[in-house]
Amino acid sequence: MNMNEIVTGVTMEKVCSIKADADCDTPKTINLVVKFDGVKLGDVFSKAMAGAVIQWQNGPGRSKFDTWRNNQRVEITFSAPGRTTVDPEQAQIAKLKGMETQAEKEAYIQWLMEQANN
């Protein structure tokens, strides 16, 4: 595999929830679309590896700290992360909270009911 190959036209979408800050009680659900266009394949893998390293450090790395030797080589197998599930009910509540007017909320609820009956 050529890690210098340029990735073009790859788009991935991820639903995430954000808050303005730690004290905020109102989250927003965002559909984040990430475009991989004009980046080296090696850069994409390096970014994925960074998450795997942090996960290892916070898990087995730290829990077995006393068994590791300085400069020891440890091999791990990358696995895709488990999907974080978003509670559909909470997502709908967050969506409704983000709507400005009561009429907008009622129209959305009506639309949902129509979809459920089709």
N, C-alpha and C. Protein backbone atom coordinates (compact mmCIF):
# COMPACT_ATOMS: atom_id res chain seq x y z
N MET A 1 0.85 -1.16 0.00
CA MET A 1 0.00 0.00 0.00
C MET A 1 0.90 1.24 0.00
N ASN A 2 0.62 2.16 -0.88
CA ASN A 2 1.40 3.38 -0.99
C ASN A 2 0.84 4.44 -0.05
N MET A 3 1.54 4.70 1.04
CA MET A 3 1.06 5.65 2.03
C MET A 3 1.17 7.10 1.56
N ASN A 4 1.86 7.32 0.42
CA ASN A 4 1.95 8.66 -0.15
C ASN A 4 0.85 8.93 -1.17
N GLU A 5 -0.02 7.93 -1.40
CA GLU A 5 -1.12 8.10 -2.33
C GLU A 5 -2.06 9.19 -1.82
N ILE A 6 -2.52 10.03 -2.73
CA ILE A 6 -3.41 11.13 -2.36
C ILE A 6 -4.86 10.64 -2.39
N VAL A 7 -5.57 10.87 -1.30
CA VAL A 7 -6.97 10.50 -1.18
C VAL A 7 -7.81 11.61 -1.80
N THR A 8 -8.74 11.23 -2.66
CA THR A 8 -9.61 12.23 -3.27
C THR A 8 -11.06 11.75 -3.25
N GLY A 9 -11.96 12.66 -3.01
CA GLY A 9 -13.39 12.39 -3.13
C GLY A 9 -13.98 11.47 -2.08
N VAL A 10 -13.36 11.35 -0.91
CA VAL A 10 -13.91 10.49 0.14
C VAL A 10 -14.60 11.39 1.17
N THR A 11 -15.86 11.08 1.47
CA THR A 11 -16.62 11.85 2.44
C THR A 11 -17.21 10.89 3.46
N MET A 12 -17.09 11.24 4.74
CA MET A 12 -17.67 10.44 5.81
C MET A 12 -18.53 11.36 6.67
N GLU A 13 -19.62 10.79 7.19
CA GLU A 13 -20.53 11.58 8.02
C GLU A 13 -20.65 10.94 9.40
N LYS A 14 -20.69 11.78 10.43
CA LYS A 14 -20.80 11.31 11.81
C LYS A 14 -21.75 12.24 12.56
N VAL A 15 -22.69 11.67 13.27
CA VAL A 15 -23.60 12.44 14.11
C VAL A 15 -22.91 12.63 15.46
N CYS A 16 -22.86 13.87 15.93
CA CYS A 16 -22.25 14.12 17.23
C CYS A 16 -23.10 15.11 18.01
N SER A 17 -22.88 15.15 19.29
CA SER A 17 -23.60 16.05 20.16
C SER A 17 -22.59 17.01 20.78
N ILE A 18 -22.94 18.30 20.81
CA ILE A 18 -22.04 19.28 21.40
C ILE A 18 -22.81 20.19 22.35
N LYS A 19 -22.08 20.76 23.29
CA LYS A 19 -22.61 21.78 24.20
C LYS A 19 -21.69 22.98 24.12
N ALA A 20 -22.22 24.14 24.45
CA ALA A 20 -21.41 25.36 24.42
C ALA A 20 -20.24 25.27 25.39
N ASP A 21 -20.49 24.66 26.56
CA ASP A 21 -19.44 24.45 27.55
C ASP A 21 -19.92 23.40 28.55
N ALA A 22 -19.11 23.08 29.53
CA ALA A 22 -19.44 22.01 30.47
C ALA A 22 -20.69 22.33 31.30
N ASP A 23 -20.98 23.60 31.50
CA ASP A 23 -22.14 23.99 32.32
C ASP A 23 -23.43 24.08 31.52
N CYS A 24 -23.35 23.94 30.22
CA CYS A 24 -24.53 24.07 29.35
C CYS A 24 -25.45 22.85 29.50
N ASP A 25 -26.75 23.13 29.61
CA ASP A 25 -27.73 22.05 29.74
C ASP A 25 -28.39 21.71 28.41
N THR A 26 -28.10 22.47 27.37
CA THR A 26 -28.78 22.28 26.09
C THR A 26 -27.80 21.82 25.02
N PRO A 27 -27.76 20.51 24.76
CA PRO A 27 -26.87 20.04 23.70
C PRO A 27 -27.51 20.23 22.33
N LYS A 28 -26.68 20.24 21.32
CA LYS A 28 -27.15 20.26 19.94
C LYS A 28 -26.59 19.03 19.23
N THR A 29 -27.43 18.40 18.42
CA THR A 29 -26.99 17.28 17.62
C THR A 29 -26.56 17.82 16.27
N ILE A 30 -25.37 17.48 15.85
CA ILE A 30 -24.79 17.99 14.61
C ILE A 30 -24.46 16.82 13.69
N ASN A 31 -24.77 16.96 12.42
CA ASN A 31 -24.36 15.98 11.41
C ASN A 31 -23.08 16.52 10.78
N LEU A 32 -21.95 16.02 11.23
CA LEU A 32 -20.65 16.51 10.77
C LEU A 32 -20.20 15.71 9.56
N VAL A 33 -19.91 16.40 8.47
CA VAL A 33 -19.46 15.77 7.24
C VAL A 33 -17.98 16.12 7.06
N VAL A 34 -17.14 15.08 7.02
CA VAL A 34 -15.69 15.28 6.86
C VAL A 34 -15.31 14.85 5.46
N LYS A 35 -14.66 15.75 4.73
CA LYS A 35 -14.22 15.46 3.37
C LYS A 35 -12.71 15.20 3.39
N PHE A 36 -12.33 14.06 2.84
CA PHE A 36 -10.92 13.71 2.69
C PHE A 36 -10.59 13.93 1.22
N ASP A 37 -9.97 15.01 0.93
CA ASP A 37 -9.69 15.36 -0.46
C ASP A 37 -8.33 16.04 -0.54
N GLY A 38 -7.38 15.40 -1.19
CA GLY A 38 -6.06 16.00 -1.35
C GLY A 38 -5.12 15.73 -0.19
N VAL A 39 -5.42 14.72 0.63
CA VAL A 39 -4.53 14.38 1.75
C VAL A 39 -3.87 13.03 1.48
N LYS A 40 -2.69 12.85 2.04
CA LYS A 40 -1.99 11.58 1.88
C LYS A 40 -2.66 10.50 2.71
N LEU A 41 -2.70 9.30 2.17
CA LEU A 41 -3.26 8.15 2.87
C LEU A 41 -2.55 7.95 4.21
N GLY A 42 -1.25 8.14 4.23
CA GLY A 42 -0.48 8.00 5.47
C GLY A 42 -0.93 8.98 6.54
N ASP A 43 -1.34 10.19 6.14
CA ASP A 43 -1.81 11.18 7.10
C ASP A 43 -3.14 10.74 7.73
N VAL A 44 -3.99 10.12 6.93
CA VAL A 44 -5.27 9.61 7.44
C VAL A 44 -5.02 8.50 8.46
N PHE A 45 -4.11 7.58 8.13
CA PHE A 45 -3.78 6.50 9.06
C PHE A 45 -3.09 7.02 10.31
N SER A 46 -2.25 8.03 10.18
CA SER A 46 -1.58 8.61 11.36
C SER A 46 -2.60 9.18 12.33
N LYS A 47 -3.62 9.84 11.80
CA LYS A 47 -4.68 10.41 12.64
C LYS A 47 -5.45 9.28 13.33
N ALA A 48 -5.76 8.22 12.61
CA ALA A 48 -6.46 7.08 13.21
C ALA A 48 -5.59 6.44 14.29
N MET A 49 -4.30 6.38 14.05
CA MET A 49 -3.40 5.76 15.02
C MET A 49 -3.33 6.57 16.31
N ALA A 50 -3.44 7.89 16.20
CA ALA A 50 -3.38 8.73 17.39
C ALA A 50 -4.48 8.35 18.37
N GLY A 51 -5.68 8.11 17.87
CA GLY A 51 -6.78 7.69 18.74
C GLY A 51 -6.53 6.33 19.36
N ALA A 52 -5.96 5.41 18.58
CA ALA A 52 -5.66 4.06 19.09
C ALA A 52 -4.61 4.14 20.19
N VAL A 53 -3.62 5.02 20.03
CA VAL A 53 -2.57 5.17 21.03
C VAL A 53 -3.16 5.69 22.34
N ILE A 54 -4.01 6.72 22.25
CA ILE A 54 -4.62 7.28 23.46
C ILE A 54 -5.49 6.24 24.15
N GLN A 55 -6.24 5.48 23.37
CA GLN A 55 -7.09 4.44 23.94
C GLN A 55 -6.23 3.40 24.67
N TRP A 56 -5.11 3.01 24.08
CA TRP A 56 -4.22 2.03 24.70
C TRP A 56 -3.60 2.61 25.97
N GLN A 57 -3.13 3.86 25.89
CA GLN A 57 -2.50 4.49 27.06
C GLN A 57 -3.47 4.55 28.24
N ASN A 58 -4.73 4.90 27.98
CA ASN A 58 -5.72 5.04 29.04
C ASN A 58 -6.28 3.70 29.52
N GLY A 59 -6.08 2.65 28.74
CA GLY A 59 -6.59 1.32 29.09
C GLY A 59 -5.48 0.42 29.58
N PRO A 60 -5.10 -0.56 28.74
CA PRO A 60 -4.08 -1.54 29.16
C PRO A 60 -2.74 -0.92 29.50
N GLY A 61 -2.37 0.15 28.82
CA GLY A 61 -1.08 0.77 29.10
C GLY A 61 -0.95 1.22 30.54
N ARG A 62 -1.95 1.95 30.99
CA ARG A 62 -1.91 2.47 32.36
C ARG A 62 -2.15 1.38 33.39
N SER A 63 -3.09 0.47 33.10
CA SER A 63 -3.43 -0.55 34.10
C SER A 63 -2.29 -1.55 34.32
N LYS A 64 -1.42 -1.70 33.34
CA LYS A 64 -0.29 -2.65 33.47
C LYS A 64 1.05 -1.91 33.53
N PHE A 65 1.01 -0.65 33.95
CA PHE A 65 2.20 0.20 33.93
C PHE A 65 3.41 -0.46 34.58
N ASP A 66 3.22 -1.08 35.69
CA ASP A 66 4.35 -1.66 36.43
C ASP A 66 4.98 -2.85 35.71
N THR A 67 4.30 -3.43 34.72
CA THR A 67 4.86 -4.58 34.01
C THR A 67 5.68 -4.17 32.78
N TRP A 68 5.54 -2.92 32.34
CA TRP A 68 6.26 -2.48 31.13
C TRP A 68 7.70 -2.10 31.46
N ARG A 69 8.60 -2.39 30.50
CA ARG A 69 9.99 -1.95 30.60
C ARG A 69 10.15 -0.71 29.74
N ASN A 70 11.04 0.17 30.10
CA ASN A 70 11.31 1.35 29.30
C ASN A 70 11.74 0.95 27.89
N ASN A 71 11.17 1.57 26.88
CA ASN A 71 11.43 1.30 25.45
C ASN A 71 10.97 -0.08 25.00
N GLN A 72 10.08 -0.70 25.74
CA GLN A 72 9.53 -2.00 25.34
C GLN A 72 8.67 -1.82 24.09
N ARG A 73 8.71 -2.80 23.21
CA ARG A 73 7.86 -2.81 22.01
C ARG A 73 6.58 -3.57 22.36
N VAL A 74 5.43 -2.91 22.14
CA VAL A 74 4.13 -3.53 22.41
C VAL A 74 3.32 -3.45 21.13
N GLU A 75 2.86 -4.59 20.65
CA GLU A 75 2.05 -4.63 19.44
C GLU A 75 0.58 -4.78 19.81
N ILE A 76 -0.25 -3.95 19.19
CA ILE A 76 -1.69 -4.05 19.39
C ILE A 76 -2.35 -4.12 18.02
N THR A 77 -3.57 -4.60 17.98
CA THR A 77 -4.32 -4.70 16.73
C THR A 77 -5.37 -3.61 16.71
N PHE A 78 -5.37 -2.85 15.64
CA PHE A 78 -6.37 -1.79 15.49
C PHE A 78 -7.72 -2.42 15.23
N SER A 79 -8.73 -1.90 15.88
CA SER A 79 -10.09 -2.33 15.60
C SER A 79 -10.96 -1.09 15.52
N ALA A 80 -11.96 -1.18 14.68
CA ALA A 80 -12.86 -0.04 14.53
C ALA A 80 -13.58 0.18 15.86
N PRO A 81 -13.74 1.44 16.23
CA PRO A 81 -14.43 1.71 17.50
C PRO A 81 -15.89 1.29 17.43
N GLY A 82 -16.41 0.89 18.56
CA GLY A 82 -17.83 0.59 18.61
C GLY A 82 -18.64 1.86 18.37
N ARG A 83 -19.75 1.71 17.74
CA ARG A 83 -20.58 2.88 17.47
C ARG A 83 -21.14 3.44 18.76
N THR A 84 -21.03 4.74 18.90
CA THR A 84 -21.67 5.40 20.02
C THR A 84 -23.13 5.58 19.66
N THR A 85 -23.97 5.07 20.49
CA THR A 85 -25.38 5.17 20.16
C THR A 85 -25.96 6.46 20.73
N VAL A 86 -26.79 7.06 19.95
CA VAL A 86 -27.49 8.26 20.37
C VAL A 86 -28.92 7.82 20.65
N ASP A 87 -29.39 8.10 21.84
CA ASP A 87 -30.75 7.76 22.20
C ASP A 87 -31.69 8.53 21.28
N PRO A 88 -32.48 7.83 20.44
CA PRO A 88 -33.35 8.51 19.48
C PRO A 88 -34.31 9.49 20.14
N GLU A 89 -34.80 9.13 21.31
CA GLU A 89 -35.73 10.03 22.00
C GLU A 89 -35.02 11.32 22.42
N GLN A 90 -33.80 11.18 22.94
CA GLN A 90 -33.04 12.36 23.34
C GLN A 90 -32.66 13.21 22.13
N ALA A 91 -32.39 12.57 21.01
CA ALA A 91 -32.07 13.30 19.79
C ALA A 91 -33.28 14.12 19.33
N GLN A 92 -34.47 13.53 19.43
CA GLN A 92 -35.68 14.26 19.03
C GLN A 92 -35.95 15.43 19.98
N ILE A 93 -35.75 15.20 21.28
CA ILE A 93 -35.94 16.27 22.25
C ILE A 93 -34.98 17.42 21.96
N ALA A 94 -33.71 17.08 21.70
CA ALA A 94 -32.72 18.11 21.39
C ALA A 94 -33.10 18.87 20.12
N LYS A 95 -33.61 18.15 19.13
CA LYS A 95 -34.03 18.79 17.89
C LYS A 95 -35.18 19.76 18.14
N LEU A 96 -36.15 19.31 18.95
CA LEU A 96 -37.29 20.18 19.27
C LEU A 96 -36.85 21.40 20.08
N LYS A 97 -35.92 21.21 21.01
CA LYS A 97 -35.43 22.34 21.81
C LYS A 97 -34.74 23.38 20.93
N GLY A 98 -34.16 22.92 19.83
CA GLY A 98 -33.46 23.83 18.93
C GLY A 98 -34.39 24.64 18.03
N MET A 99 -35.65 24.26 18.00
CA MET A 99 -36.61 24.99 17.16
C MET A 99 -37.07 26.25 17.87
N GLU A 100 -37.27 27.30 17.09
CA GLU A 100 -37.54 28.62 17.67
C GLU A 100 -38.97 28.82 18.13
N THR A 101 -39.95 28.30 17.41
CA THR A 101 -41.34 28.60 17.74
C THR A 101 -42.13 27.34 18.06
N GLN A 102 -43.22 27.54 18.78
CA GLN A 102 -44.12 26.43 19.10
C GLN A 102 -44.71 25.86 17.82
N ALA A 103 -45.03 26.74 16.86
CA ALA A 103 -45.61 26.29 15.59
C ALA A 103 -44.64 25.39 14.84
N GLU A 104 -43.37 25.72 14.86
CA GLU A 104 -42.35 24.91 14.20
C GLU A 104 -42.27 23.53 14.86
N LYS A 105 -42.34 23.49 16.19
CA LYS A 105 -42.31 22.23 16.92
C LYS A 105 -43.53 21.38 16.58
N GLU A 106 -44.70 22.01 16.57
CA GLU A 106 -45.93 21.28 16.27
C GLU A 106 -45.93 20.74 14.84
N ALA A 107 -45.43 21.52 13.90
CA ALA A 107 -45.36 21.07 12.51
C ALA A 107 -44.43 19.87 12.39
N TYR A 108 -43.32 19.90 13.11
CA TYR A 108 -42.38 18.78 13.07
C TYR A 108 -43.01 17.52 13.68
N ILE A 109 -43.69 17.69 14.82
CA ILE A 109 -44.35 16.54 15.45
C ILE A 109 -45.42 15.97 14.52
N GLN A 110 -46.17 16.84 13.86
CA GLN A 110 -47.19 16.38 12.91
C GLN A 110 -46.54 15.59 11.78
N TRP A 111 -45.42 16.10 11.28
CA TRP A 111 -44.70 15.42 10.19
C TRP A 111 -44.24 14.04 10.65
N LEU A 112 -43.70 13.94 11.89
CA LEU A 112 -43.27 12.65 12.43
C LEU A 112 -44.44 11.67 12.51
N MET A 113 -45.60 12.15 12.95
CA MET A 113 -46.77 11.30 13.05
C MET A 113 -47.20 10.80 11.67
N GLU A 114 -47.12 11.66 10.68
CA GLU A 114 -47.46 11.26 9.31
C GLU A 114 -46.49 10.20 8.81
N GLN A 115 -45.22 10.35 9.11
CA GLN A 115 -44.22 9.38 8.68
C GLN A 115 -44.45 8.04 9.36
N ALA A 116 -44.84 8.07 10.63
CA ALA A 116 -45.07 6.84 11.38
C ALA A 116 -46.31 6.08 10.87
N ASN A 117 -47.25 6.81 10.32
CA ASN A 117 -48.48 6.19 9.83
C ASN A 117 -48.38 5.72 8.39
N ASN A 118 -47.30 6.01 7.71
CA ASN A 118 -47.13 5.57 6.30
C ASN A 118 -46.50 4.22 6.21
